[in-house]
C-alpha atoms as a PDB file:
ATOM      1  CA  MET A   1      43.859 -20.076  17.960  1.00  0.00           C
ATOM      2  CA  GLN A   2      41.117 -20.946  19.749  1.00  0.00           C
ATOM      3  CA  ARG A   3      40.493 -17.729  21.673  1.00  0.00           C
ATOM      4  CA  GLY A   4      40.716 -15.793  18.223  1.00  0.00           C
ATOM      5  CA  LEU A   5      38.157 -18.095  16.956  1.00  0.00           C
ATOM      6  CA  ASN A   6      35.807 -18.056  19.920  1.00  0.00           C
ATOM      7  CA  LEU A   7      36.454 -14.271  19.471  1.00  0.00           C
ATOM      8  CA  LEU A   8      35.358 -13.992  15.771  1.00  0.00           C
ATOM      9  CA  GLN A   9      32.377 -16.269  16.483  1.00  0.00           C
ATOM     10  CA  GLN A  10      30.957 -13.150  19.346  1.00  0.00           C
ATOM     11  CA  PHE A  11      31.740 -10.721  16.328  1.00  0.00           C
ATOM     12  CA  ALA A  12      29.652 -12.693  14.119  1.00  0.00           C
ATOM     13  CA  GLY A  13      27.078 -12.744  16.385  1.00  0.00           C
ATOM     14  CA  THR A  14      27.191  -9.143  16.981  1.00  0.00           C
ATOM     15  CA  PHE A  15      27.568  -7.988  13.794  1.00  0.00           C
ATOM     16  CA  MET A  16      24.493  -9.799  12.485  1.00  0.00           C
ATOM     17  CA  LYS A  17      22.583  -8.298  15.163  1.00  0.00           C
ATOM     18  CA  ASP A  18      23.861  -4.930  15.196  1.00  0.00           C
ATOM     19  CA  VAL A  19      25.047  -3.976  11.740  1.00  0.00           C
ATOM     20  CA  ASN A  20      22.726  -1.299   9.814  1.00  0.00           C
ATOM     21  CA  LEU A  21      23.379  -3.432   6.709  1.00  0.00           C
ATOM     22  CA  GLY A  22      21.223  -6.282   4.914  1.00  0.00           C
ATOM     23  CA  VAL A  23      23.566  -9.496   5.447  1.00  0.00           C
ATOM     24  CA  MET A  24      22.301 -12.816   4.110  1.00  0.00           C
ATOM     25  CA  LEU A  25      24.249 -16.155   3.947  1.00  0.00           C
ATOM     26  CA  ILE A  26      23.616 -19.051   1.762  1.00  0.00           C
ATOM     27  CA  ASP A  27      25.446 -22.146   1.420  1.00  0.00           C
ATOM     28  CA  THR A  28      25.691 -24.403  -1.803  1.00  0.00           C
ATOM     29  CA  SER A  29      22.300 -25.836  -1.423  1.00  0.00           C
ATOM     30  CA  PHE A  30      20.883 -22.462  -2.029  1.00  0.00           C
ATOM     31  CA  LYS A  31      19.859 -22.408   1.763  1.00  0.00           C
ATOM     32  CA  LEU A  32      19.554 -19.526   4.012  1.00  0.00           C
ATOM     33  CA  ILE A  33      22.046 -19.896   6.924  1.00  0.00           C
ATOM     34  CA  ASP A  34      22.102 -16.611   8.477  1.00  0.00           C
ATOM     35  CA  ILE A  35      20.244 -13.339   8.018  1.00  0.00           C
ATOM     36  CA  SER A  36      20.769 -10.024  10.016  1.00  0.00           C
ATOM     37  CA  ASP A  37      18.655  -8.170  11.867  1.00  0.00           C
ATOM     38  CA  MET A  38      18.433  -5.466   9.357  1.00  0.00           C
ATOM     39  CA  ALA A  39      17.912  -7.838   6.211  1.00  0.00           C
ATOM     40  CA  CYS A  40      14.524  -9.419   8.577  1.00  0.00           C
ATOM     41  CA  ARG A  41      13.012  -5.845   8.630  1.00  0.00           C
ATOM     42  CA  VAL A  42      13.204  -4.609   5.872  1.00  0.00           C
ATOM     43  CA  LEU A  43      12.484  -7.819   3.852  1.00  0.00           C
ATOM     44  CA  GLY A  44       9.388  -8.538   6.286  1.00  0.00           C
ATOM     45  CA  LEU A  45      10.993 -11.657   7.180  1.00  0.00           C
ATOM     46  CA  VAL A  46      10.924 -13.557  10.733  1.00  0.00           C
ATOM     47  CA  ARG A  47      14.413 -14.673  11.491  1.00  0.00           C
ATOM     48  CA  GLU A  48      13.203 -17.978  13.198  1.00  0.00           C
ATOM     49  CA  ASN A  49      11.207 -18.640  10.336  1.00  0.00           C
ATOM     50  CA  VAL A  50      13.468 -18.888   7.406  1.00  0.00           C
ATOM     51  CA  LEU A  51      16.667 -20.036   8.428  1.00  0.00           C
ATOM     52  CA  GLY A  52      17.455 -23.637   6.748  1.00  0.00           C
ATOM     53  CA  ARG A  53      15.007 -23.293   3.866  1.00  0.00           C
ATOM     54  CA  PRO A  54      15.828 -22.279   0.585  1.00  0.00           C
ATOM     55  CA  VAL A  55      15.895 -18.769  -0.631  1.00  0.00           C
ATOM     56  CA  ASP A  56      13.554 -19.209  -3.326  1.00  0.00           C
ATOM     57  CA  HIS A  57      10.934 -20.970  -1.329  1.00  0.00           C
ATOM     58  CA  ILE A  58      10.961 -17.477   0.951  1.00  0.00           C
ATOM     59  CA  PHE A  59      10.724 -15.627  -2.155  1.00  0.00           C
ATOM     60  CA  ALA A  60       8.420 -17.838  -4.197  1.00  0.00           C
ATOM     61  CA  THR A  61       5.472 -15.592  -4.508  1.00  0.00           C
ATOM     62  CA  LEU A  62       7.735 -13.289  -6.540  1.00  0.00           C
ATOM     63  CA  PRO A  63       8.221 -13.883 -10.123  1.00  0.00           C
ATOM     64  CA  PRO A  64      11.888 -14.899 -11.060  1.00  0.00           C
ATOM     65  CA  GLU A  65      13.417 -11.176 -12.347  1.00  0.00           C
ATOM     66  CA  HIS A  66      12.193  -9.798  -8.831  1.00  0.00           C
ATOM     67  CA  GLN A  67      13.318 -12.408  -6.680  1.00  0.00           C
ATOM     68  CA  LEU A  68      16.137 -10.647  -4.668  1.00  0.00           C
ATOM     69  CA  VAL A  69      18.788 -13.815  -4.842  1.00  0.00           C
ATOM     70  CA  GLN A  70      19.416 -15.857  -7.812  1.00  0.00           C
ATOM     71  CA  ARG A  71      20.578 -19.251  -7.821  1.00  0.00           C
ATOM     72  CA  ASN A  72      23.476 -18.147 -10.471  1.00  0.00           C
ATOM     73  CA  ILE A  73      24.964 -16.046  -7.638  1.00  0.00           C
ATOM     74  CA  LEU A  74      26.441 -20.109  -6.010  1.00  0.00           C
ATOM     75  CA  GLU A  75      28.109 -20.420  -9.870  1.00  0.00           C
ATOM     76  CA  GLY A  76      30.469 -17.504  -9.106  1.00  0.00           C
ATOM     77  CA  MET A  77      28.052 -14.387 -10.633  1.00  0.00           C
ATOM     78  CA  VAL A  78      29.454 -11.025  -8.304  1.00  0.00           C
ATOM     79  CA  VAL A  79      27.094  -8.516  -8.021  1.00  0.00           C
ATOM     80  CA  ARG A  80      28.213  -4.631  -7.140  1.00  0.00           C
ATOM     81  CA  ASN A  81      26.220  -1.718  -6.301  1.00  0.00           C
ATOM     82  CA  HIS A  82      22.900  -3.170  -7.966  1.00  0.00           C
ATOM     83  CA  ALA A  83      19.868  -0.640  -7.353  1.00  0.00           C
ATOM     84  CA  LEU A  84      16.500  -2.221  -6.716  1.00  0.00           C
ATOM     85  CA  SER A  85      13.670  -1.267  -5.184  1.00  0.00           C
ATOM     86  CA  TRP A  86      11.513  -3.180  -2.657  1.00  0.00           C
ATOM     87  CA  THR A  87       8.426  -3.050  -0.920  1.00  0.00           C
ATOM     88  CA  ASN A  88       7.638  -4.319   2.605  1.00  0.00           C
ATOM     89  CA  ASN A  89       4.000  -4.362   3.572  1.00  0.00           C
ATOM     90  CA  ARG A  90       3.500  -0.305   3.311  1.00  0.00           C
ATOM     91  CA  GLU A  91       7.240   0.306   3.254  1.00  0.00           C
ATOM     92  CA  ARG A  92       9.136   0.960   0.025  1.00  0.00           C
ATOM     93  CA  TYR A  93      12.866   1.012   0.445  1.00  0.00           C
ATOM     94  CA  GLU A  94      15.297   1.747  -2.319  1.00  0.00           C
ATOM     95  CA  LEU A  95      18.466  -0.892  -1.894  1.00  0.00           C
ATOM     96  CA  LEU A  96      22.032  -1.106  -2.899  1.00  0.00           C
ATOM     97  CA  LEU A  97      23.474  -4.979  -3.249  1.00  0.00           C
ATOM     98  CA  ASP A  98      26.954  -6.055  -3.221  1.00  0.00           C
ATOM     99  CA  SER A  99      26.910 -10.143  -3.490  1.00  0.00           C
ATOM    100  CA  ASN A 100      29.916 -13.034  -4.268  1.00  0.00           C
ATOM    101  CA  VAL A 101      30.517 -16.479  -3.252  1.00  0.00           C
ATOM    102  CA  LEU A 102      32.534 -17.469  -0.519  1.00  0.00           C
ATOM    103  CA  ARG A 103      35.421 -20.565  -0.731  1.00  0.00           C
ATOM    104  CA  ASP A 104      36.809 -22.872   1.351  1.00  0.00           C
ATOM    105  CA  GLU A 105      40.993 -23.299   1.628  1.00  0.00           C
ATOM    106  CA  SER A 106      40.919 -25.947  -1.661  1.00  0.00           C
ATOM    107  CA  ASN A 107      39.140 -22.591  -3.151  1.00  0.00           C
ATOM    108  CA  GLN A 108      36.350 -24.572  -3.873  1.00  0.00           C
ATOM    109  CA  ILE A 109      32.760 -22.486  -3.544  1.00  0.00           C
ATOM    110  CA  ALA A 110      31.405 -23.110  -0.154  1.00  0.00           C
ATOM    111  CA  GLY A 111      28.320 -20.654  -0.443  1.00  0.00           C
ATOM    112  CA  ALA A 112      27.910 -17.310  -0.700  1.00  0.00           C
ATOM    113  CA  TYR A 113      26.813 -14.218   0.770  1.00  0.00           C
ATOM    114  CA  ILE A 114      24.544 -11.018  -0.415  1.00  0.00           C
ATOM    115  CA  ILE A 115      24.957  -7.693   1.739  1.00  0.00           C
ATOM    116  CA  PHE A 116      22.675  -4.880   0.980  1.00  0.00           C
ATOM    117  CA  LYS A 117      22.198  -1.146   2.420  1.00  0.00           C
ATOM    118  CA  ASP A 118      19.073   1.148   2.134  1.00  0.00           C
ATOM    119  CA  VAL A 119      19.828   4.257  -0.231  1.00  0.00           C
ATOM    120  CA  THR A 120      16.156   5.563   0.349  1.00  0.00           C
ATOM    121  CA  ASN A 121      16.871   8.851   2.122  1.00  0.00           C
ATOM    122  CA  LEU A 122      19.747   9.171   0.092  1.00  0.00           C
ATOM    123  CA  ARG A 123      17.975   8.690  -3.063  1.00  0.00           C
ATOM    124  CA  SER A 124      15.275  10.696  -2.013  1.00  0.00           C
ATOM    125  CA  LEU A 125      17.685  13.653  -1.739  1.00  0.00           C
ATOM    126  CA  GLU A 126      18.928  13.468  -4.644  1.00  0.00           C
ATOM    127  CA  GLU A 127      15.661  13.632  -6.282  1.00  0.00           C
ATOM    128  CA  GLN A 128      14.646  16.500  -4.000  1.00  0.00           C
ATOM    129  CA  VAL A 129      17.216  18.592  -5.062  1.00  0.00           C
ATOM    130  CA  GLN A 130      16.646  17.882  -8.615  1.00  0.00           C
ATOM    131  CA  ARG A 131      12.962  18.204  -8.231  1.00  0.00           C
ATOM    132  CA  SER A 132      13.562  21.780  -6.357  1.00  0.00           C
ATOM    133  CA  ASP A 133      15.144  23.178  -9.351  1.00  0.00           C
ATOM    134  CA  ARG A 134      12.864  22.646 -11.496  1.00  0.00           C
ATOM    135  CA  LEU A 135       9.944  23.637  -9.584  1.00  0.00           C
ATOM    136  CA  ALA A 136      12.103  27.121  -8.469  1.00  0.00           C
ATOM    137  CA  MET A 137      12.350  27.517 -12.252  1.00  0.00           C
ATOM    138  CA  ILE A 138       8.851  27.304 -12.549  1.00  0.00           C
ATOM    139  CA  GLY A 139       8.132  29.535  -9.532  1.00  0.00           C
ATOM    140  CA  GLN A 140       9.816  32.324 -10.708  1.00  0.00           C
ATOM    141  CA  ILE A 141       8.721  32.112 -14.613  1.00  0.00           C
ATOM    142  CA  ALA A 142       5.266  31.679 -12.723  1.00  0.00           C
ATOM    143  CA  ALA A 143       6.179  34.765 -10.261  1.00  0.00           C
ATOM    144  CA  GLY A 144       7.016  37.058 -13.084  1.00  0.00           C
ATOM    145  CA  THR A 145       4.211  36.028 -15.830  1.00  0.00           C
ATOM    146  CA  ALA A 146       1.091  35.605 -13.580  1.00  0.00           C
ATOM    147  CA  HIS A 147       0.494  39.581 -13.144  1.00  0.00           C
ATOM    148  CA  GLU A 148       0.924  39.470 -17.144  1.00  0.00           C
ATOM    149  CA  ILE A 149      -1.534  36.450 -17.567  1.00  0.00           C
ATOM    150  CA  ARG A 150      -4.226  37.671 -15.093  1.00  0.00           C
ATOM    151  CA  ASN A 151      -4.639  41.234 -16.421  1.00  0.00           C
ATOM    152  CA  PRO A 152      -5.871  40.132 -19.848  1.00  0.00           C
ATOM    153  CA  LEU A 153      -8.207  37.168 -18.202  1.00  0.00           C
ATOM    154  CA  THR A 154      -9.915  39.461 -16.321  1.00  0.00           C
ATOM    155  CA  SER A 155     -10.610  41.707 -19.526  1.00  0.00           C
ATOM    156  CA  ILE A 156     -11.546  38.824 -21.628  1.00  0.00           C
ATOM    157  CA  LYS A 157     -13.525  37.072 -18.735  1.00  0.00           C
ATOM    158  CA  GLY A 158     -15.648  40.959 -18.210  1.00  0.00           C
ATOM    159  CA  PHE A 159     -16.489  41.179 -21.705  1.00  0.00           C
ATOM    160  CA  LEU A 160     -17.334  37.377 -22.154  1.00  0.00           C
ATOM    161  CA  GLN A 161     -20.023  37.834 -19.123  1.00  0.00           C
ATOM    162  CA  VAL A 162     -21.640  40.627 -21.142  1.00  0.00           C
ATOM    163  CA  LEU A 163     -21.815  38.879 -23.971  1.00  0.00           C
ATOM    164  CA  ARG A 164     -23.390  36.118 -22.439  1.00  0.00           C
ATOM    165  CA  LYS A 165     -25.889  38.145 -21.069  1.00  0.00           C
ATOM    166  CA  THR A 166     -26.945  39.622 -24.284  1.00  0.00           C
ATOM    167  CA  LEU A 167     -27.222  36.599 -26.112  1.00  0.00           C
ATOM    168  CA  GLN A 168     -29.128  35.097 -23.224  1.00  0.00           C
ATOM    169  CA  GLU A 169     -31.658  38.268 -23.533  1.00  0.00           C
ATOM    170  CA  GLN A 170     -31.913  37.869 -27.092  1.00  0.00           C
ATOM    171  CA  GLY A 171     -32.592  33.915 -27.082  1.00  0.00           C
ATOM    172  CA  MET A 172     -29.427  32.746 -28.200  1.00  0.00           C
ATOM    173  CA  GLU A 173     -29.702  29.998 -26.186  1.00  0.00           C
ATOM    174  CA  ARG A 174     -26.693  28.190 -28.271  1.00  0.00           C
ATOM    175  CA  GLU A 175     -24.229  30.978 -28.680  1.00  0.00           C
ATOM    176  CA  SER A 176     -25.001  31.676 -24.915  1.00  0.00           C
ATOM    177  CA  GLY A 177     -23.575  28.332 -23.679  1.00  0.00           C
ATOM    178  CA  TYR A 178     -20.647  28.505 -25.885  1.00  0.00           C
ATOM    179  CA  THR A 179     -19.591  31.207 -23.671  1.00  0.00           C
ATOM    180  CA  GLU A 180     -20.168  29.160 -20.651  1.00  0.00           C
ATOM    181  CA  VAL A 181     -17.454  26.632 -22.533  1.00  0.00           C
ATOM    182  CA  MET A 182     -15.390  29.974 -22.872  1.00  0.00           C
ATOM    183  CA  LEU A 183     -15.695  31.089 -19.018  1.00  0.00           C
ATOM    184  CA  THR A 184     -15.280  27.748 -17.519  1.00  0.00           C
ATOM    185  CA  GLU A 185     -12.068  27.243 -20.001  1.00  0.00           C
ATOM    186  CA  MET A 186     -10.929  30.466 -18.459  1.00  0.00           C
ATOM    187  CA  ASN A 187     -11.428  29.771 -14.484  1.00  0.00           C
ATOM    188  CA  ARG A 188      -8.972  26.531 -15.152  1.00  0.00           C
ATOM    189  CA  ILE A 189      -6.489  28.910 -16.524  1.00  0.00           C
ATOM    190  CA  ASN A 190      -6.786  30.904 -13.513  1.00  0.00           C
ATOM    191  CA  GLU A 191      -6.955  28.249 -10.953  1.00  0.00           C
ATOM    192  CA  LEU A 192      -3.960  26.529 -13.005  1.00  0.00           C
ATOM    193  CA  VAL A 193      -1.865  30.010 -12.417  1.00  0.00           C
ATOM    194  CA  ASN A 194      -2.668  30.565  -8.858  1.00  0.00           C
ATOM    195  CA  GLU A 195      -0.996  26.701  -8.190  1.00  0.00           C
ATOM    196  CA  PHE A 196       2.122  28.364 -10.443  1.00  0.00           C
ATOM    197  CA  LEU A 197       2.617  31.000  -8.079  1.00  0.00           C
ATOM    198  CA  LEU A 198       2.437  27.989  -5.011  1.00  0.00           C
ATOM    199  CA  LEU A 199       5.816  26.820  -6.365  1.00  0.00           C
ATOM    200  CA  GLY A 200       7.203  30.105  -5.472  1.00  0.00           C
ATOM    201  CA  LYS A 201       8.548  30.121  -2.016  1.00  0.00           C
ATOM    202  CA  PRO A 202       4.484  30.872  -0.633  1.00  0.00           C
ATOM    203  CA  LYS A 203       4.529  34.196   1.270  1.00  0.00           C
ATOM    204  CA  ASN A 204       3.447  35.088   4.932  1.00  0.00           C
ATOM    205  CA  VAL A 205       4.613  31.524   5.968  1.00  0.00           C
ATOM    206  CA  THR A 206       4.209  31.449   9.714  1.00  0.00           C
ATOM    207  CA  TYR A 207       5.836  28.584  11.580  1.00  0.00           C
ATOM    208  CA  SER A 208       4.835  27.651  15.040  1.00  0.00           C
ATOM    209  CA  SER A 209       4.803  24.327  17.140  1.00  0.00           C
ATOM    210  CA  VAL A 210       2.076  22.518  15.684  1.00  0.00           C
ATOM    211  CA  ASP A 211      -0.290  19.487  17.364  1.00  0.00           C
ATOM    212  CA  LEU A 212      -0.315  17.147  13.953  1.00  0.00           C
ATOM    213  CA  SER A 213      -3.707  15.074  15.305  1.00  0.00           C
ATOM    214  CA  GLN A 214      -5.422  18.393  15.591  1.00  0.00           C
ATOM    215  CA  VAL A 215      -4.492  19.338  12.018  1.00  0.00           C
ATOM    216  CA  VAL A 216      -6.144  16.183  11.152  1.00  0.00           C
ATOM    217  CA  LYS A 217      -9.224  16.463  13.099  1.00  0.00           C
ATOM    218  CA  ASP A 218      -9.735  19.748  11.884  1.00  0.00           C
ATOM    219  CA  ILE A 219      -9.977  18.739   7.951  1.00  0.00           C
ATOM    220  CA  LEU A 220     -11.889  15.527   9.111  1.00  0.00           C
ATOM    221  CA  PRO A 221     -15.419  16.956   8.222  1.00  0.00           C
ATOM    222  CA  ILE A 222     -14.021  18.209   4.527  1.00  0.00           C
ATOM    223  CA  ILE A 223     -12.536  14.533   4.128  1.00  0.00           C
ATOM    224  CA  ASN A 224     -15.680  13.086   5.477  1.00  0.00           C
ATOM    225  CA  ASN A 225     -17.894  14.697   2.732  1.00  0.00           C
ATOM    226  CA  GLU A 226     -15.448  13.871   0.096  1.00  0.00           C
ATOM    227  CA  ALA A 227     -15.616  10.420   1.312  1.00  0.00           C
ATOM    228  CA  ILE A 228     -19.751  10.312   1.124  1.00  0.00           C
ATOM    229  CA  LEU A 229     -19.756  11.570  -2.028  1.00  0.00           C
ATOM    230  CA  HIS A 230     -17.515   8.679  -3.074  1.00  0.00           C
ATOM    231  CA  GLY A 231     -18.851   5.648  -0.828  1.00  0.00           C
ATOM    232  CA  VAL A 232     -15.510   5.699   0.883  1.00  0.00           C
ATOM    233  CA  ILE A 233     -15.618   4.926   4.577  1.00  0.00           C
ATOM    234  CA  VAL A 234     -12.489   7.078   6.510  1.00  0.00           C
ATOM    235  CA  GLN A 235     -10.978   5.083   9.514  1.00  0.00           C
ATOM    236  CA  CYS A 236      -8.764   7.261  11.269  1.00  0.00           C
ATOM    237  CA  ASP A 237      -6.146   5.780  14.165  1.00  0.00           C
ATOM    238  CA  MET A 238      -4.889   8.818  16.368  1.00  0.00           C
ATOM    239  CA  LYS A 239      -2.283   8.690  19.423  1.00  0.00           C
ATOM    240  CA  GLU A 240      -3.247  10.316  22.215  1.00  0.00           C
ATOM    241  CA  GLU A 241      -0.611  12.518  22.724  1.00  0.00           C
ATOM    242  CA  LEU A 242       2.265  13.830  19.615  1.00  0.00           C
ATOM    243  CA  PRO A 243       5.599  15.475  20.085  1.00  0.00           C
ATOM    244  CA  GLN A 244       4.358  19.035  18.438  1.00  0.00           C
ATOM    245  CA  VAL A 245       6.431  20.115  14.943  1.00  0.00           C
ATOM    246  CA  ILE A 246       7.664  23.499  13.612  1.00  0.00           C
ATOM    247  CA  ALA A 247       5.513  23.798  10.318  1.00  0.00           C
ATOM    248  CA  ASP A 248       3.076  26.393   9.297  1.00  0.00           C
ATOM    249  CA  LYS A 249      -0.474  24.971  10.001  1.00  0.00           C
ATOM    250  CA  GLU A 250      -2.683  26.123   6.950  1.00  0.00           C
ATOM    251  CA  LEU A 251       0.375  24.562   4.903  1.00  0.00           C
ATOM    252  CA  LEU A 252      -0.035  21.326   6.460  1.00  0.00           C
ATOM    253  CA  LYS A 253      -3.838  21.308   5.816  1.00  0.00           C
ATOM    254  CA  GLN A 254      -3.542  21.812   2.400  1.00  0.00           C
ATOM    255  CA  VAL A 255      -1.189  18.995   2.169  1.00  0.00           C
ATOM    256  CA  PHE A 256      -3.412  16.317   3.831  1.00  0.00           C
ATOM    257  CA  LEU A 257      -6.422  17.458   1.934  1.00  0.00           C
ATOM    258  CA  ASN A 258      -4.601  16.575  -1.274  1.00  0.00           C
ATOM    259  CA  ILE A 259      -3.285  13.182  -0.554  1.00  0.00           C
ATOM    260  CA  CYS A 260      -6.531  12.226   1.623  1.00  0.00           C
ATOM    261  CA  LYS A 261      -8.798  14.025  -1.913  1.00  0.00           C
ATOM    262  CA  ASN A 262      -5.805  11.755  -4.195  1.00  0.00           C
ATOM    263  CA  GLY A 263      -6.867   8.775  -2.172  1.00  0.00           C
ATOM    264  CA  ILE A 264     -10.404   8.819  -2.331  1.00  0.00           C
ATOM    265  CA  GLU A 265     -10.839   9.739  -5.841  1.00  0.00           C
ATOM    266  CA  ALA A 266      -8.189   6.853  -6.929  1.00  0.00           C
ATOM    267  CA  MET A 267     -10.496   4.115  -5.132  1.00  0.00           C
ATOM    268  CA  GLY A 268     -13.304   5.262  -7.012  1.00  0.00           C
ATOM    269  CA  ASP A 269     -16.759   3.958  -5.763  1.00  0.00           C
ATOM    270  CA  GLY A 270     -16.407   2.265  -2.104  1.00  0.00           C
ATOM    271  CA  GLY A 271     -13.053   1.655  -0.325  1.00  0.00           C
ATOM    272  CA  HIS A 272     -11.379   2.449   2.938  1.00  0.00           C
ATOM    273  CA  LEU A 273      -9.010   5.643   3.875  1.00  0.00           C
ATOM    274  CA  THR A 274      -7.076   5.283   7.083  1.00  0.00           C
ATOM    275  CA  ILE A 275      -5.216   7.791   8.148  1.00  0.00           C
ATOM    276  CA  THR A 276      -2.594   6.604  11.098  1.00  0.00           C
ATOM    277  CA  GLU A 277      -0.544   7.818  13.369  1.00  0.00           C
ATOM    278  CA  ARG A 278       2.859   6.726  14.248  1.00  0.00           C
ATOM    279  CA  VAL A 279       5.636   8.316  16.404  1.00  0.00           C
ATOM    280  CA  ASP A 280       9.228   7.274  15.506  1.00  0.00           C
ATOM    281  CA  ASN A 281      11.422   8.230  18.996  1.00  0.00           C
ATOM    282  CA  GLU A 282      14.276   6.918  17.448  1.00  0.00           C
ATOM    283  CA  GLU A 283      14.505   9.403  14.310  1.00  0.00           C
ATOM    284  CA  ARG A 284      12.608  11.747  16.269  1.00  0.00           C
ATOM    285  CA  ARG A 285      10.043  12.250  13.497  1.00  0.00           C
ATOM    286  CA  VAL A 286       6.033  12.179  13.525  1.00  0.00           C
ATOM    287  CA  ASN A 287       4.804   9.787  10.989  1.00  0.00           C
ATOM    288  CA  ILE A 288       1.402  10.425   9.171  1.00  0.00           C
ATOM    289  CA  GLU A 289       0.259   7.483   7.155  1.00  0.00           C
ATOM    290  CA  ILE A 290      -2.292   7.754   4.570  1.00  0.00           C
ATOM    291  CA  HIS A 291      -3.399   4.443   3.342  1.00  0.00           C
ATOM    292  CA  ASP A 292      -6.433   3.981   0.547  1.00  0.00           C
ATOM    293  CA  THR A 293      -7.643   0.521  -1.077  1.00  0.00           C
ATOM    294  CA  GLY A 294      -7.598   1.648  -4.519  1.00  0.00           C
ATOM    295  CA  PRO A 295      -5.918  -0.178  -7.385  1.00  0.00           C
ATOM    296  CA  GLY A 296      -2.226   1.063  -6.450  1.00  0.00           C
ATOM    297  CA  ILE A 297       0.274   3.138  -8.621  1.00  0.00           C
ATOM    298  CA  PRO A 298       1.673   1.221 -11.352  1.00  0.00           C
ATOM    299  CA  LEU A 299       5.705   0.630 -10.619  1.00  0.00           C
ATOM    300  CA  PHE A 300       6.566   2.327 -13.954  1.00  0.00           C
ATOM    301  CA  VAL A 301       4.359   5.726 -12.771  1.00  0.00           C
ATOM    302  CA  ILE A 302       5.325   5.717  -8.753  1.00  0.00           C
ATOM    303  CA  ASP A 303       8.657   7.401  -9.120  1.00  0.00           C
ATOM    304  CA  LYS A 304       7.138  10.397 -11.660  1.00  0.00           C
ATOM    305  CA  ILE A 305       4.218  11.212  -9.389  1.00  0.00           C
ATOM    306  CA  PHE A 306       6.054  14.078  -7.711  1.00  0.00           C
ATOM    307  CA  ASP A 307       7.038  15.918 -10.745  1.00  0.00           C
ATOM    308  CA  PRO A 308       5.664  18.601 -12.126  1.00  0.00           C
ATOM    309  CA  PHE A 309       2.929  18.737 -14.535  1.00  0.00           C
ATOM    310  CA  PHE A 310       2.693  14.468 -14.234  1.00  0.00           C
ATOM    311  CA  THR A 311      -0.823  13.304 -13.623  1.00  0.00           C
ATOM    312  CA  THR A 312      -2.989  10.357 -14.207  1.00  0.00           C
ATOM    313  CA  LYS A 313      -6.224  12.968 -14.525  1.00  0.00           C
ATOM    314  CA  GLN A 314      -8.127  14.117 -17.312  1.00  0.00           C
ATOM    315  CA  GLU A 315      -8.643  17.465 -15.335  1.00  0.00           C
ATOM    316  CA  GLY A 316      -5.128  17.374 -13.281  1.00  0.00           C
ATOM    317  CA  THR A 317      -2.991  19.902 -13.434  1.00  0.00           C
ATOM    318  CA  GLY A 318       0.226  17.355 -12.121  1.00  0.00           C
ATOM    319  CA  LEU A 319       1.285  20.022  -9.938  1.00  0.00           C
ATOM    320  CA  GLY A 320      -0.723  19.316  -6.179  1.00  0.00           C
ATOM    321  CA  LEU A 321       1.897  16.454  -4.969  1.00  0.00           C
ATOM    322  CA  SER A 322       5.035  18.755  -6.617  1.00  0.00           C
ATOM    323  CA  ILE A 323       3.469  21.245  -4.174  1.00  0.00           C
ATOM    324  CA  CYS A 324       3.062  18.913  -1.181  1.00  0.00           C
ATOM    325  CA  GLN A 325       6.745  17.495  -1.259  1.00  0.00           C
ATOM    326  CA  ARG A 326       7.830  21.316  -0.995  1.00  0.00           C
ATOM    327  CA  ILE A 327       5.808  21.830   1.929  1.00  0.00           C
ATOM    328  CA  ILE A 328       7.039  18.777   3.516  1.00  0.00           C
ATOM    329  CA  HIS A 329      10.774  19.350   2.562  1.00  0.00           C
ATOM    330  CA  ASP A 330      11.054  22.957   3.297  1.00  0.00           C
ATOM    331  CA  ILE A 331      10.083  21.692   7.157  1.00  0.00           C
ATOM    332  CA  GLY A 332      13.219  19.170   6.754  1.00  0.00           C
ATOM    333  CA  GLY A 333      10.257  15.919   6.466  1.00  0.00           C
ATOM    334  CA  HIS A 334       9.932  13.883   3.464  1.00  0.00           C
ATOM    335  CA  ILE A 335       7.381  12.313   1.879  1.00  0.00           C
ATOM    336  CA  ARG A 336       7.605   8.362   0.610  1.00  0.00           C
ATOM    337  CA  VAL A 337       4.971   6.469  -1.179  1.00  0.00           C
ATOM    338  CA  SER A 338       4.800   2.327  -1.567  1.00  0.00           C
ATOM    339  CA  SER A 339       2.304   0.393  -3.486  1.00  0.00           C
ATOM    340  CA  LYS A 340       1.290  -2.979  -4.217  1.00  0.00           C
ATOM    341  CA  GLY A 341      -1.019  -2.938  -6.896  1.00  0.00           C
ATOM    342  CA  PHE A 342      -3.941  -2.987  -4.237  1.00  0.00           C
ATOM    343  CA  GLY A 343      -4.093   0.050  -2.482  1.00  0.00           C
ATOM    344  CA  THR A 344      -1.102   2.916  -2.023  1.00  0.00           C
ATOM    345  CA  THR A 345       0.780   4.334   1.495  1.00  0.00           C
ATOM    346  CA  PHE A 346       1.777   7.696   1.646  1.00  0.00           C
ATOM    347  CA  THR A 347       3.866   8.567   4.739  1.00  0.00           C
ATOM    348  CA  LEU A 348       4.424  11.743   5.767  1.00  0.00           C
ATOM    349  CA  SER A 349       7.132  11.805   8.208  1.00  0.00           C
ATOM    350  CA  ILE A 350       7.849  15.393   9.918  1.00  0.00           C
ATOM    351  CA  PRO A 351      10.784  15.819  12.334  1.00  0.00           C
ATOM    352  CA  PHE A 352      10.094  17.195  15.892  1.00  0.00           C
ATOM    353  CA  PRO A 353      12.299  18.866  18.199  1.00  0.00           C
END
């Protein structure tokens, strides 16, 4: 029996270190007795600093309704497959949580356990499929109607330009101003049609080995010019050598420019835009993080920002991030966004061979 007990203890210790699950054990005084390494990583905790502390002290900075563990768990409340979002520094996780009490030989409550798994990639895949269906439908409609829209636009624009010139020659400045407004709005319609076309599968895509550091360096002058206009400071944390990825270089430039420009505009006047390169050798991915110090994205909005036509900008079409996401997904990557109300981080994760 002693041998069996020792083996069980060894298993428990190895389980808490190696298991790819978040595990927390608490006693009847609501103190944390043990926690798995994966739970520490996701929750942003240091194991030695939290063991033996009351759970409500560990999460004291969070409002009660957002705390991971509630005291009524010790009253026998059972939780199964409870979905919740958790933001740790610049990483946002989608978690699926179970919890229940632990009872001793006399059926008295001796503590409780909380187990959660990271389903971020599964949730992202599900949303990707839904968005891809919507984008494909929009792309098909756009491809079929763009020609019919552009032809009358070209005719109307040509006649308006002639009318504007005639009005100017006759000194009718106010009426000429009206034509300027109409021409501006027509250009906006034309730009919208162009963005519609980008939602379909891009034509003449050229996949090759791409150095992501070089892509970032190529667009830095454009980003810096945009930053200067808004009083923003751009900082880059470059790696010496990044693994090559398989992608279309020009499309990647479009993605980085769009996200950097969004970050700069979100900060208004002043702030810092930070571009960081990281390599995840375990997952064989290159991660590019684009972090701004703006006001952040509200939680009720953050799940919608990749939806087609969703925008918080007055002049926006709501297609930019949808197009960016499709470009990254087409090369097997994904985009994650996290925001805590004091800045936003977009993480572009791209696989390498």
